[in-house]
């Protein structure tokens, strides 16, 4: 399976390693560019990519990044083919992230993410 991962922090790099280890074609990207993708994420076979390349020609996109970064990739996610599965593993953290009135009022993150990107998103 072709998988793009946006975010190479702790969770993103672990997913890149584990998914590549079992034979998936994994492209990993972060906000600083391919040269800054941690070597640990790539050592088992994942490939460093730009965000644009990471979401191109994949069946699954995994969002492993803080909510404030969503604005930079919103256009990429909204433009994905309908059949591309988008999985969001990020979490809203008050105090780190800008205040989200909807989430603070109790809206489920899965609903907020779906509405933000204007497409189905699986929350994991």
PDB file of N, CA and C in Angstrom:
ATOM      1  N   UNK A   1       0.850  -1.173   0.000  1.00  0.00           N
ATOM      2  CA  UNK A   1       0.000   0.000   0.000  1.00  0.00           C
ATOM      3  C   UNK A   1       0.897   1.237   0.000  1.00  0.00           C
ATOM      4  N   UNK A   2       0.463   2.277  -0.649  1.00  0.00           N
ATOM      5  CA  UNK A   2       1.174   3.556  -0.673  1.00  0.00           C
ATOM      6  C   UNK A   2       0.581   4.462   0.401  1.00  0.00           C
ATOM      7  N   UNK A   3       1.449   4.910   1.303  1.00  0.00           N
ATOM      8  CA  UNK A   3       1.003   5.676   2.464  1.00  0.00           C
ATOM      9  C   UNK A   3       1.831   6.951   2.574  1.00  0.00           C
ATOM     10  N   UNK A   4       1.169   8.079   2.799  1.00  0.00           N
ATOM     11  CA  UNK A   4       1.845   9.347   3.067  1.00  0.00           C
ATOM     12  C   UNK A   4       1.625   9.737   4.510  1.00  0.00           C
ATOM     13  N   UNK A   5       2.684  10.141   5.185  1.00  0.00           N
ATOM     14  CA  UNK A   5       2.583  10.580   6.573  1.00  0.00           C
ATOM     15  C   UNK A   5       3.009  12.030   6.643  1.00  0.00           C
ATOM     16  N   UNK A   6       2.130  12.874   7.165  1.00  0.00           N
ATOM     17  CA  UNK A   6       2.434  14.290   7.346  1.00  0.00           C
ATOM     18  C   UNK A   6       2.694  14.525   8.829  1.00  0.00           C
ATOM     19  N   UNK A   7       3.956  14.719   9.151  1.00  0.00           N
ATOM     20  CA  UNK A   7       4.385  14.891  10.527  1.00  0.00           C
ATOM     21  C   UNK A   7       5.372  13.788  10.875  1.00  0.00           C
ATOM     22  N   UNK A   8       6.554  14.194  11.339  1.00  0.00           N
ATOM     23  CA  UNK A   8       7.580  13.193  11.658  1.00  0.00           C
ATOM     24  C   UNK A   8       8.094  13.365  13.086  1.00  0.00           C
ATOM     25  N   UNK A   9       7.179  13.757  13.969  1.00  0.00           N
ATOM     26  CA  UNK A   9       7.507  13.768  15.387  1.00  0.00           C
ATOM     27  C   UNK A   9       7.495  12.335  15.895  1.00  0.00           C
ATOM     28  N   UNK A  10       7.315  12.165  17.186  1.00  0.00           N
ATOM     29  CA  UNK A  10       7.393  10.837  17.780  1.00  0.00           C
ATOM     30  C   UNK A  10       6.476   9.832  17.078  1.00  0.00           C
ATOM     31  N   UNK A  11       5.206  10.146  16.943  1.00  0.00           N
ATOM     32  CA  UNK A  11       4.257   9.193  16.360  1.00  0.00           C
ATOM     33  C   UNK A  11       4.477   9.006  14.859  1.00  0.00           C
ATOM     34  N   UNK A  12       4.703  10.097  14.140  1.00  0.00           N
ATOM     35  CA  UNK A  12       4.898   9.992  12.697  1.00  0.00           C
ATOM     36  C   UNK A  12       6.097   9.150  12.328  1.00  0.00           C
ATOM     37  N   UNK A  13       7.205   9.351  13.017  1.00  0.00           N
ATOM     38  CA  UNK A  13       8.395   8.561  12.672  1.00  0.00           C
ATOM     39  C   UNK A  13       8.230   7.100  13.069  1.00  0.00           C
ATOM     40  N   UNK A  14       7.519   6.822  14.162  1.00  0.00           N
ATOM     41  CA  UNK A  14       7.281   5.427  14.547  1.00  0.00           C
ATOM     42  C   UNK A  14       6.382   4.730  13.519  1.00  0.00           C
ATOM     43  N   UNK A  15       5.353   5.428  13.062  1.00  0.00           N
ATOM     44  CA  UNK A  15       4.475   4.842  12.038  1.00  0.00           C
ATOM     45  C   UNK A  15       5.236   4.617  10.736  1.00  0.00           C
ATOM     46  N   UNK A  16       6.079   5.567  10.338  1.00  0.00           N
ATOM     47  CA  UNK A  16       6.869   5.406   9.117  1.00  0.00           C
ATOM     48  C   UNK A  16       7.728   4.143   9.206  1.00  0.00           C
ATOM     49  N   UNK A  17       8.390   3.968  10.328  1.00  0.00           N
ATOM     50  CA  UNK A  17       9.249   2.791  10.528  1.00  0.00           C
ATOM     51  C   UNK A  17       8.440   1.499  10.481  1.00  0.00           C
ATOM     52  N   UNK A  18       7.375   1.446  11.243  1.00  0.00           N
ATOM     53  CA  UNK A  18       6.609   0.199  11.359  1.00  0.00           C
ATOM     54  C   UNK A  18       5.888  -0.154  10.059  1.00  0.00           C
ATOM     55  N   UNK A  19       5.336   0.831   9.386  1.00  0.00           N
ATOM     56  CA  UNK A  19       4.629   0.558   8.134  1.00  0.00           C
ATOM     57  C   UNK A  19       5.596   0.163   7.021  1.00  0.00           C
ATOM     58  N   UNK A  20       6.764   0.809   6.958  1.00  0.00           N
ATOM     59  CA  UNK A  20       7.776   0.427   5.966  1.00  0.00           C
ATOM     60  C   UNK A  20       8.312  -0.977   6.258  1.00  0.00           C
ATOM     61  N   UNK A  21       8.464  -1.301   7.524  1.00  0.00           N
ATOM     62  CA  UNK A  21       9.013  -2.608   7.908  1.00  0.00           C
ATOM     63  C   UNK A  21       8.140  -3.773   7.454  1.00  0.00           C
ATOM     64  N   UNK A  22       6.840  -3.532   7.331  1.00  0.00           N
ATOM     65  CA  UNK A  22       5.953  -4.617   6.891  1.00  0.00           C
ATOM     66  C   UNK A  22       5.644  -4.533   5.393  1.00  0.00           C
ATOM     67  N   UNK A  23       6.415  -3.722   4.670  1.00  0.00           N
ATOM     68  CA  UNK A  23       6.343  -3.724   3.219  1.00  0.00           C
ATOM     69  C   UNK A  23       5.564  -2.626   2.537  1.00  0.00           C
ATOM     70  N   UNK A  24       5.030  -1.683   3.289  1.00  0.00           N
ATOM     71  CA  UNK A  24       4.305  -0.582   2.647  1.00  0.00           C
ATOM     72  C   UNK A  24       5.288   0.437   2.079  1.00  0.00           C
ATOM     73  N   UNK A  25       4.872   1.104   1.012  1.00  0.00           N
ATOM     74  CA  UNK A  25       5.649   2.202   0.440  1.00  0.00           C
ATOM     75  C   UNK A  25       5.249   3.465   1.199  1.00  0.00           C
ATOM     76  N   UNK A  26       6.157   3.986   2.020  1.00  0.00           N
ATOM     77  CA  UNK A  26       5.833   5.098   2.918  1.00  0.00           C
ATOM     78  C   UNK A  26       6.621   6.336   2.527  1.00  0.00           C
ATOM     79  N   UNK A  27       5.899   7.443   2.400  1.00  0.00           N
ATOM     80  CA  UNK A  27       6.519   8.755   2.183  1.00  0.00           C
ATOM     81  C   UNK A  27       6.226   9.598   3.416  1.00  0.00           C
ATOM     82  N   UNK A  28       7.275  10.155   4.014  1.00  0.00           N
ATOM     83  CA  UNK A  28       7.127  10.937   5.249  1.00  0.00           C
ATOM     84  C   UNK A  28       7.548  12.377   4.997  1.00  0.00           C
ATOM     85  N   UNK A  29       6.747  13.303   5.511  1.00  0.00           N
ATOM     86  CA  UNK A  29       7.019  14.726   5.317  1.00  0.00           C
ATOM     87  C   UNK A  29       6.804  15.474   6.619  1.00  0.00           C
ATOM     88  N   UNK A  30       7.492  16.603   6.733  1.00  0.00           N
ATOM     89  CA  UNK A  30       7.248  17.503   7.857  1.00  0.00           C
ATOM     90  C   UNK A  30       7.255  18.932   7.343  1.00  0.00           C
ATOM     91  N   UNK A  31       7.046  19.882   8.220  1.00  0.00           N
ATOM     92  CA  UNK A  31       6.912  21.281   7.802  1.00  0.00           C
ATOM     93  C   UNK A  31       8.239  21.925   7.421  1.00  0.00           C
ATOM     94  N   UNK A  32       9.344  21.281   7.739  1.00  0.00           N
ATOM     95  CA  UNK A  32      10.665  21.866   7.455  1.00  0.00           C
ATOM     96  C   UNK A  32      11.313  21.324   6.192  1.00  0.00           C
ATOM     97  N   UNK A  33      10.687  20.383   5.531  1.00  0.00           N
ATOM     98  CA  UNK A  33      11.206  19.859   4.276  1.00  0.00           C
ATOM     99  C   UNK A  33      11.875  18.509   4.413  1.00  0.00           C
ATOM    100  N   UNK A  34      12.087  17.834   3.277  1.00  0.00           N
ATOM    101  CA  UNK A  34      12.605  16.471   3.285  1.00  0.00           C
ATOM    102  C   UNK A  34      13.975  16.307   3.956  1.00  0.00           C
ATOM    103  N   UNK A  35      14.813  17.318   3.866  1.00  0.00           N
ATOM    104  CA  UNK A  35      16.148  17.202   4.470  1.00  0.00           C
ATOM    105  C   UNK A  35      16.108  17.131   5.993  1.00  0.00           C
ATOM    106  N   UNK A  36      14.991  17.499   6.589  1.00  0.00           N
ATOM    107  CA  UNK A  36      14.903  17.496   8.049  1.00  0.00           C
ATOM    108  C   UNK A  36      14.071  16.325   8.603  1.00  0.00           C
ATOM    109  N   UNK A  37      13.640  15.420   7.728  1.00  0.00           N
ATOM    110  CA  UNK A  37      12.925  14.230   8.209  1.00  0.00           C
ATOM    111  C   UNK A  37      13.944  13.392   8.987  1.00  0.00           C
ATOM    112  N   UNK A  38      13.625  13.017  10.223  1.00  0.00           N
ATOM    113  CA  UNK A  38      14.585  12.284  11.047  1.00  0.00           C
ATOM    114  C   UNK A  38      15.051  10.979  10.394  1.00  0.00           C
ATOM    115  N   UNK A  39      16.344  10.741  10.448  1.00  0.00           N
ATOM    116  CA  UNK A  39      16.910   9.517   9.884  1.00  0.00           C
ATOM    117  C   UNK A  39      16.246   8.280  10.466  1.00  0.00           C
ATOM    118  N   UNK A  40      15.873   8.343  11.732  1.00  0.00           N
ATOM    119  CA  UNK A  40      15.205   7.213  12.388  1.00  0.00           C
ATOM    120  C   UNK A  40      13.923   6.826  11.658  1.00  0.00           C
ATOM    121  N   UNK A  41      13.228   7.807  11.079  1.00  0.00           N
ATOM    122  CA  UNK A  41      11.987   7.523  10.353  1.00  0.00           C
ATOM    123  C   UNK A  41      12.260   6.819   9.033  1.00  0.00           C
ATOM    124  N   UNK A  42      13.466   6.976   8.500  1.00  0.00           N
ATOM    125  CA  UNK A  42      13.779   6.485   7.162  1.00  0.00           C
ATOM    126  C   UNK A  42      14.599   5.204   7.145  1.00  0.00           C
ATOM    127  N   UNK A  43      15.196   4.828   8.260  1.00  0.00           N
ATOM    128  CA  UNK A  43      16.179   3.754   8.257  1.00  0.00           C
ATOM    129  C   UNK A  43      15.629   2.381   7.874  1.00  0.00           C
ATOM    130  N   UNK A  44      14.330   2.203   7.904  1.00  0.00           N
ATOM    131  CA  UNK A  44      13.765   0.894   7.550  1.00  0.00           C
ATOM    132  C   UNK A  44      13.149   0.913   6.153  1.00  0.00           C
ATOM    133  N   UNK A  45      13.176   2.049   5.473  1.00  0.00           N
ATOM    134  CA  UNK A  45      12.698   2.061   4.104  1.00  0.00           C
ATOM    135  C   UNK A  45      11.709   3.133   3.720  1.00  0.00           C
ATOM    136  N   UNK A  46      11.245   3.942   4.661  1.00  0.00           N
ATOM    137  CA  UNK A  46      10.378   5.070   4.290  1.00  0.00           C
ATOM    138  C   UNK A  46      11.217   6.086   3.522  1.00  0.00           C
ATOM    139  N   UNK A  47      10.564   6.942   2.786  1.00  0.00           N
ATOM    140  CA  UNK A  47      11.243   7.942   1.967  1.00  0.00           C
ATOM    141  C   UNK A  47      10.852   9.343   2.429  1.00  0.00           C
ATOM    142  N   UNK A  48      11.821  10.235   2.500  1.00  0.00           N
ATOM    143  CA  UNK A  48      11.547  11.635   2.837  1.00  0.00           C
ATOM    144  C   UNK A  48      10.896  12.303   1.628  1.00  0.00           C
ATOM    145  N   UNK A  49       9.945  13.187   1.899  1.00  0.00           N
ATOM    146  CA  UNK A  49       9.216  13.853   0.827  1.00  0.00           C
ATOM    147  C   UNK A  49       8.760  15.227   1.279  1.00  0.00           C
ATOM    148  N   UNK A  50       8.378  16.044   0.310  1.00  0.00           N
ATOM    149  CA  UNK A  50       7.663  17.274   0.643  1.00  0.00           C
ATOM    150  C   UNK A  50       6.235  16.867   0.971  1.00  0.00           C
ATOM    151  N   UNK A  51       5.486  17.756   1.584  1.00  0.00           N
ATOM    152  CA  UNK A  51       4.086  17.456   1.887  1.00  0.00           C
ATOM    153  C   UNK A  51       3.314  17.152   0.602  1.00  0.00           C
ATOM    154  N   UNK A  52       3.588  17.917  -0.441  1.00  0.00           N
ATOM    155  CA  UNK A  52       2.902  17.717  -1.718  1.00  0.00           C
ATOM    156  C   UNK A  52       3.187  16.332  -2.274  1.00  0.00           C
ATOM    157  N   UNK A  53       4.448  15.903  -2.225  1.00  0.00           N
ATOM    158  CA  UNK A  53       4.813  14.581  -2.725  1.00  0.00           C
ATOM    159  C   UNK A  53       4.277  13.467  -1.833  1.00  0.00           C
ATOM    160  N   UNK A  54       4.223  13.705  -0.533  1.00  0.00           N
ATOM    161  CA  UNK A  54       3.773  12.665   0.406  1.00  0.00           C
ATOM    162  C   UNK A  54       2.315  12.281   0.193  1.00  0.00           C
ATOM    163  N   UNK A  55       1.502  13.200  -0.301  1.00  0.00           N
ATOM    164  CA  UNK A  55       0.083  12.895  -0.490  1.00  0.00           C
ATOM    165  C   UNK A  55      -0.266  12.531  -1.934  1.00  0.00           C
ATOM    166  N   UNK A  56       0.725  12.537  -2.806  1.00  0.00           N
ATOM    167  CA  UNK A  56       0.497  12.231  -4.220  1.00  0.00           C
ATOM    168  C   UNK A  56       0.528  10.718  -4.442  1.00  0.00           C
ATOM    169  N   UNK A  57      -0.484  10.200  -5.123  1.00  0.00           N
ATOM    170  CA  UNK A  57      -0.551   8.786  -5.516  1.00  0.00           C
ATOM    171  C   UNK A  57      -0.456   7.834  -4.323  1.00  0.00           C
ATOM    172  N   UNK A  58      -1.209   8.137  -3.272  1.00  0.00           N
ATOM    173  CA  UNK A  58      -1.254   7.258  -2.099  1.00  0.00           C
ATOM    174  C   UNK A  58      -2.697   6.830  -1.842  1.00  0.00           C
ATOM    175  N   UNK A  59      -2.843   5.699  -1.159  1.00  0.00           N
ATOM    176  CA  UNK A  59      -4.167   5.235  -0.774  1.00  0.00           C
ATOM    177  C   UNK A  59      -4.571   5.759   0.597  1.00  0.00           C
ATOM    178  N   UNK A  60      -3.560   6.051   1.430  1.00  0.00           N
ATOM    179  CA  UNK A  60      -3.802   6.497   2.793  1.00  0.00           C
ATOM    180  C   UNK A  60      -2.896   7.685   3.111  1.00  0.00           C
ATOM    181  N   UNK A  61      -3.458   8.691   3.778  1.00  0.00           N
ATOM    182  CA  UNK A  61      -2.680   9.806   4.319  1.00  0.00           C
ATOM    183  C   UNK A  61      -2.909   9.821   5.820  1.00  0.00           C
ATOM    184  N   UNK A  62      -1.812   9.872   6.570  1.00  0.00           N
ATOM    185  CA  UNK A  62      -1.898   9.939   8.026  1.00  0.00           C
ATOM    186  C   UNK A  62      -1.447  11.315   8.477  1.00  0.00           C
ATOM    187  N   UNK A  63      -2.302  11.990   9.240  1.00  0.00           N
ATOM    188  CA  UNK A  63      -1.983  13.303   9.793  1.00  0.00           C
ATOM    189  C   UNK A  63      -1.424  13.090  11.198  1.00  0.00           C
ATOM    190  N   UNK A  64      -0.128  13.342  11.361  1.00  0.00           N
ATOM    191  CA  UNK A  64       0.546  13.137  12.648  1.00  0.00           C
ATOM    192  C   UNK A  64       1.217  14.438  13.053  1.00  0.00           C
ATOM    193  N   UNK A  65       0.415  15.474  13.137  1.00  0.00           N
ATOM    194  CA  UNK A  65       0.944  16.815  13.366  1.00  0.00           C
ATOM    195  C   UNK A  65       0.012  17.615  14.264  1.00  0.00           C
ATOM    196  N   UNK A  66       0.533  18.637  14.914  1.00  0.00           N
ATOM    197  CA  UNK A  66      -0.339  19.482  15.739  1.00  0.00           C
ATOM    198  C   UNK A  66      -1.369  20.231  14.887  1.00  0.00           C
ATOM    199  N   UNK A  67      -2.513  20.505  15.473  1.00  0.00           N
ATOM    200  CA  UNK A  67      -3.578  21.223  14.766  1.00  0.00           C
ATOM    201  C   UNK A  67      -3.125  22.525  14.111  1.00  0.00           C
ATOM    202  N   UNK A  68      -2.231  23.330  14.729  1.00  0.00           N
ATOM    203  CA  UNK A  68      -1.843  24.576  14.070  1.00  0.00           C
ATOM    204  C   UNK A  68      -1.231  24.369  12.678  1.00  0.00           C
ATOM    205  N   UNK A  69      -0.680  23.208  12.404  1.00  0.00           N
ATOM    206  CA  UNK A  69      -0.103  22.931  11.090  1.00  0.00           C
ATOM    207  C   UNK A  69      -1.131  22.584  10.030  1.00  0.00           C
ATOM    208  N   UNK A  70      -2.358  22.331  10.438  1.00  0.00           N
ATOM    209  CA  UNK A  70      -3.386  21.951   9.482  1.00  0.00           C
ATOM    210  C   UNK A  70      -3.610  23.014   8.408  1.00  0.00           C
ATOM    211  N   UNK A  71      -3.498  24.276   8.777  1.00  0.00           N
ATOM    212  CA  UNK A  71      -3.756  25.342   7.795  1.00  0.00           C
ATOM    213  C   UNK A  71      -2.833  25.213   6.586  1.00  0.00           C
ATOM    214  N   UNK A  72      -1.577  24.825   6.808  1.00  0.00           N
ATOM    215  CA  UNK A  72      -0.605  24.709   5.711  1.00  0.00           C
ATOM    216  C   UNK A  72      -0.916  23.551   4.763  1.00  0.00           C
ATOM    217  N   UNK A  73      -1.635  22.554   5.227  1.00  0.00           N
ATOM    218  CA  UNK A  73      -1.898  21.380   4.388  1.00  0.00           C
ATOM    219  C   UNK A  73      -3.369  21.244   3.996  1.00  0.00           C
ATOM    220  N   UNK A  74      -4.171  22.180   4.434  1.00  0.00           N
ATOM    221  CA  UNK A  74      -5.621  22.097   4.191  1.00  0.00           C
ATOM    222  C   UNK A  74      -5.937  21.904   2.710  1.00  0.00           C
ATOM    223  N   UNK A  75      -5.280  22.658   1.853  1.00  0.00           N
ATOM    224  CA  UNK A  75      -5.551  22.564   0.418  1.00  0.00           C
ATOM    225  C   UNK A  75      -5.149  21.189  -0.134  1.00  0.00           C
ATOM    226  N   UNK A  76      -4.097  20.590   0.424  1.00  0.00           N
ATOM    227  CA  UNK A  76      -3.662  19.273  -0.035  1.00  0.00           C
ATOM    228  C   UNK A  76      -4.679  18.191   0.324  1.00  0.00           C
ATOM    229  N   UNK A  77      -5.168  18.247   1.548  1.00  0.00           N
ATOM    230  CA  UNK A  77      -6.131  17.242   2.010  1.00  0.00           C
ATOM    231  C   UNK A  77      -7.460  17.407   1.288  1.00  0.00           C
ATOM    232  N   UNK A  78      -7.898  18.636   1.125  1.00  0.00           N
ATOM    233  CA  UNK A  78      -9.175  18.896   0.440  1.00  0.00           C
ATOM    234  C   UNK A  78      -9.140  18.428  -1.016  1.00  0.00           C
ATOM    235  N   UNK A  79      -7.964  18.421  -1.627  1.00  0.00           N
ATOM    236  CA  UNK A  79      -7.839  18.057  -3.042  1.00  0.00           C
ATOM    237  C   UNK A  79      -7.603  16.562  -3.275  1.00  0.00           C
ATOM    238  N   UNK A  80      -7.479  15.779  -2.222  1.00  0.00           N
ATOM    239  CA  UNK A  80      -7.242  14.347  -2.393  1.00  0.00           C
ATOM    240  C   UNK A  80      -8.425  13.675  -3.069  1.00  0.00           C
ATOM    241  N   UNK A  81      -8.164  12.621  -3.838  1.00  0.00           N
ATOM    242  CA  UNK A  81      -9.278  11.871  -4.422  1.00  0.00           C
ATOM    243  C   UNK A  81     -10.185  11.329  -3.319  1.00  0.00           C
ATOM    244  N   UNK A  82     -11.441  11.199  -3.641  1.00  0.00           N
ATOM    245  CA  UNK A  82     -12.435  10.752  -2.660  1.00  0.00           C
ATOM    246  C   UNK A  82     -12.079   9.409  -2.031  1.00  0.00           C
ATOM    247  N   UNK A  83     -11.461   8.527  -2.807  1.00  0.00           N
ATOM    248  CA  UNK A  83     -11.154   7.189  -2.299  1.00  0.00           C
ATOM    249  C   UNK A  83      -9.920   7.148  -1.379  1.00  0.00           C
ATOM    250  N   UNK A  84      -9.173   8.232  -1.285  1.00  0.00           N
ATOM    251  CA  UNK A  84      -8.015   8.266  -0.391  1.00  0.00           C
ATOM    252  C   UNK A  84      -8.499   8.331   1.053  1.00  0.00           C
ATOM    253  N   UNK A  85      -8.007   7.426   1.876  1.00  0.00           N
ATOM    254  CA  UNK A  85      -8.367   7.387   3.282  1.00  0.00           C
ATOM    255  C   UNK A  85      -7.469   8.361   4.039  1.00  0.00           C
ATOM    256  N   UNK A  86      -8.066   9.235   4.831  1.00  0.00           N
ATOM    257  CA  UNK A  86      -7.311  10.177   5.652  1.00  0.00           C
ATOM    258  C   UNK A  86      -7.523   9.781   7.109  1.00  0.00           C
ATOM    259  N   UNK A  87      -6.404   9.556   7.808  1.00  0.00           N
ATOM    260  CA  UNK A  87      -6.441   9.168   9.217  1.00  0.00           C
ATOM    261  C   UNK A  87      -5.751  10.259  10.023  1.00  0.00           C
ATOM    262  N   UNK A  88      -6.435  10.792  10.993  1.00  0.00           N
ATOM    263  CA  UNK A  88      -5.884  11.841  11.852  1.00  0.00           C
ATOM    264  C   UNK A  88      -5.543  11.256  13.210  1.00  0.00           C
ATOM    265  N   UNK A  89      -4.247  11.273  13.561  1.00  0.00           N
ATOM    266  CA  UNK A  89      -3.836  10.773  14.875  1.00  0.00           C
ATOM    267  C   UNK A  89      -3.437  11.912  15.806  1.00  0.00           C
ATOM    268  N   UNK A  90      -3.649  13.127  15.358  1.00  0.00           N
ATOM    269  CA  UNK A  90      -3.272  14.284  16.179  1.00  0.00           C
ATOM    270  C   UNK A  90      -4.325  14.557  17.245  1.00  0.00           C
ATOM    271  N   UNK A  91      -3.960  15.386  18.196  1.00  0.00           N
ATOM    272  CA  UNK A  91      -4.880  15.774  19.266  1.00  0.00           C
ATOM    273  C   UNK A  91      -4.779  17.273  19.520  1.00  0.00           C
ATOM    274  N   UNK A  92      -5.910  17.848  19.844  1.00  0.00           N
ATOM    275  CA  UNK A  92      -5.969  19.257  20.240  1.00  0.00           C
ATOM    276  C   UNK A  92      -5.432  19.372  21.664  1.00  0.00           C
ATOM    277  N   UNK A  93      -4.469  20.281  21.867  1.00  0.00           N
ATOM    278  CA  UNK A  93      -3.901  20.505  23.188  1.00  0.00           C
ATOM    279  C   UNK A  93      -4.084  21.966  23.586  1.00  0.00           C
ATOM    280  N   UNK A  94      -5.069  22.254  24.442  1.00  0.00           N
ATOM    281  CA  UNK A  94      -5.222  23.629  24.928  1.00  0.00           C
ATOM    282  C   UNK A  94      -3.926  24.061  25.612  1.00  0.00           C
ATOM    283  N   UNK A  95      -3.544  25.280  25.386  1.00  0.00           N
ATOM    284  CA  UNK A  95      -2.298  25.788  25.951  1.00  0.00           C
ATOM    285  C   UNK A  95      -1.156  25.729  24.950  1.00  0.00           C
ATOM    286  N   UNK A  96      -1.116  24.682  24.123  1.00  0.00           N
ATOM    287  CA  UNK A  96      -0.132  24.595  23.050  1.00  0.00           C
ATOM    288  C   UNK A  96      -0.728  25.142  21.761  1.00  0.00           C
ATOM    289  N   UNK A  97      -1.949  24.720  21.486  1.00  0.00           N
ATOM    290  CA  UNK A  97      -2.623  25.107  20.254  1.00  0.00           C
ATOM    291  C   UNK A  97      -3.456  26.362  20.477  1.00  0.00           C
ATOM    292  N   UNK A  98      -3.673  27.135  19.424  1.00  0.00           N
ATOM    293  CA  UNK A  98      -4.595  28.265  19.563  1.00  0.00           C
ATOM    294  C   UNK A  98      -5.957  27.762  20.020  1.00  0.00           C
ATOM    295  N   UNK A  99      -6.669  28.585  20.744  1.00  0.00           N
ATOM    296  CA  UNK A  99      -7.980  28.199  21.265  1.00  0.00           C
ATOM    297  C   UNK A  99      -8.931  27.908  20.111  1.00  0.00           C
ATOM    298  N   UNK A 100      -9.600  26.773  20.205  1.00  0.00           N
ATOM    299  CA  UNK A 100     -10.620  26.392  19.237  1.00  0.00           C
ATOM    300  C   UNK A 100     -11.965  26.447  19.944  1.00  0.00           C
ATOM    301  N   UNK A 101     -12.761  27.492  19.692  1.00  0.00           N
ATOM    302  CA  UNK A 101     -14.049  27.600  20.383  1.00  0.00           C
ATOM    303  C   UNK A 101     -14.929  26.367  20.200  1.00  0.00           C
ATOM    304  N   UNK A 102     -14.912  25.774  19.020  1.00  0.00           N
ATOM    305  CA  UNK A 102     -15.755  24.595  18.784  1.00  0.00           C
ATOM    306  C   UNK A 102     -15.324  23.421  19.654  1.00  0.00           C
ATOM    307  N   UNK A 103     -14.028  23.174  19.710  1.00  0.00           N
ATOM    308  CA  UNK A 103     -13.540  22.063  20.527  1.00  0.00           C
ATOM    309  C   UNK A 103     -13.711  22.357  22.012  1.00  0.00           C
ATOM    310  N   UNK A 104     -13.489  23.605  22.385  1.00  0.00           N
ATOM    311  CA  UNK A 104     -13.676  23.986  23.786  1.00  0.00           C
ATOM    312  C   UNK A 104     -15.135  23.834  24.210  1.00  0.00           C
ATOM    313  N   UNK A 105     -16.050  23.987  23.258  1.00  0.00           N
ATOM    314  CA  UNK A 105     -17.480  23.849  23.553  1.00  0.00           C
ATOM    315  C   UNK A 105     -17.930  22.392  23.541  1.00  0.00           C
ATOM    316  N   UNK A 106     -17.003  21.483  23.242  1.00  0.00           N
ATOM    317  CA  UNK A 106     -17.333  20.068  23.326  1.00  0.00           C
ATOM    318  C   UNK A 106     -17.515  19.337  22.010  1.00  0.00           C
ATOM    319  N   UNK A 107     -17.269  20.012  20.878  1.00  0.00           N
ATOM    320  CA  UNK A 107     -17.381  19.309  19.605  1.00  0.00           C
ATOM    321  C   UNK A 107     -16.323  18.215  19.551  1.00  0.00           C
ATOM    322  N   UNK A 108     -16.689  17.058  19.067  1.00  0.00           N
ATOM    323  CA  UNK A 108     -15.747  15.944  18.951  1.00  0.00           C
ATOM    324  C   UNK A 108     -14.661  16.288  17.936  1.00  0.00           C
ATOM    325  N   UNK A 109     -13.428  15.927  18.251  1.00  0.00           N
ATOM    326  CA  UNK A 109     -12.317  16.214  17.327  1.00  0.00           C
ATOM    327  C   UNK A 109     -12.532  15.578  15.969  1.00  0.00           C
ATOM    328  N   UNK A 110     -13.112  14.390  15.936  1.00  0.00           N
ATOM    329  CA  UNK A 110     -13.352  13.730  14.655  1.00  0.00           C
ATOM    330  C   UNK A 110     -14.292  14.561  13.782  1.00  0.00           C
ATOM    331  N   UNK A 111     -15.318  15.151  14.384  1.00  0.00           N
ATOM    332  CA  UNK A 111     -16.240  15.996  13.635  1.00  0.00           C
ATOM    333  C   UNK A 111     -15.560  17.296  13.217  1.00  0.00           C
ATOM    334  N   UNK A 112     -14.778  17.892  14.136  1.00  0.00           N
ATOM    335  CA  UNK A 112     -14.088  19.138  13.831  1.00  0.00           C
ATOM    336  C   UNK A 112     -13.134  18.945  12.659  1.00  0.00           C
ATOM    337  N   UNK A 113     -12.364  17.856  12.673  1.00  0.00           N
ATOM    338  CA  UNK A 113     -11.392  17.593  11.611  1.00  0.00           C
ATOM    339  C   UNK A 113     -12.103  17.348  10.284  1.00  0.00           C
ATOM    340  N   UNK A 114     -13.175  16.579  10.313  1.00  0.00           N
ATOM    341  CA  UNK A 114     -13.959  16.326   9.096  1.00  0.00           C
ATOM    342  C   UNK A 114     -14.470  17.640   8.507  1.00  0.00           C
ATOM    343  N   UNK A 115     -15.034  18.487   9.363  1.00  0.00           N
ATOM    344  CA  UNK A 115     -15.571  19.761   8.895  1.00  0.00           C
ATOM    345  C   UNK A 115     -14.453  20.691   8.410  1.00  0.00           C
ATOM    346  N   UNK A 116     -13.326  20.692   9.091  1.00  0.00           N
ATOM    347  CA  UNK A 116     -12.211  21.564   8.726  1.00  0.00           C
ATOM    348  C   UNK A 116     -11.689  21.245   7.329  1.00  0.00           C
ATOM    349  N   UNK A 117     -11.532  19.952   7.047  1.00  0.00           N
ATOM    350  CA  UNK A 117     -11.009  19.560   5.743  1.00  0.00           C
ATOM    351  C   UNK A 117     -12.077  19.355   4.688  1.00  0.00           C
ATOM    352  N   UNK A 118     -13.342  19.312   5.107  1.00  0.00           N
ATOM    353  CA  UNK A 118     -14.428  19.169   4.142  1.00  0.00           C
ATOM    354  C   UNK A 118     -14.465  17.804   3.468  1.00  0.00           C
ATOM    355  N   UNK A 119     -14.089  16.784   4.224  1.00  0.00           N
ATOM    356  CA  UNK A 119     -14.070  15.427   3.676  1.00  0.00           C
ATOM    357  C   UNK A 119     -14.059  14.442   4.829  1.00  0.00           C
ATOM    358  N   UNK A 120     -14.409  13.184   4.577  1.00  0.00           N
ATOM    359  CA  UNK A 120     -14.335  12.193   5.657  1.00  0.00           C
ATOM    360  C   UNK A 120     -12.895  12.028   6.173  1.00  0.00           C
ATOM    361  N   UNK A 121     -12.761  11.940   7.463  1.00  0.00           N
ATOM    362  CA  UNK A 121     -11.481  11.734   8.117  1.00  0.00           C
ATOM    363  C   UNK A 121     -11.709  10.739   9.246  1.00  0.00           C
ATOM    364  N   UNK A 122     -10.858   9.739   9.308  1.00  0.00           N
ATOM    365  CA  UNK A 122     -10.925   8.761  10.387  1.00  0.00           C
ATOM    366  C   UNK A 122     -10.043   9.244  11.522  1.00  0.00           C
ATOM    367  N   UNK A 123     -10.570   9.272  12.703  1.00  0.00           N
ATOM    368  CA  UNK A 123      -9.813   9.711  13.888  1.00  0.00           C
ATOM    369  C   UNK A 123      -9.282   8.482  14.601  1.00  0.00           C
ATOM    370  N   UNK A 124      -7.987   8.468  14.831  1.00  0.00           N
ATOM    371  CA  UNK A 124      -7.384   7.316  15.527  1.00  0.00           C
ATOM    372  C   UNK A 124      -6.508   7.807  16.652  1.00  0.00           C
TER     373      UNK A 124
END
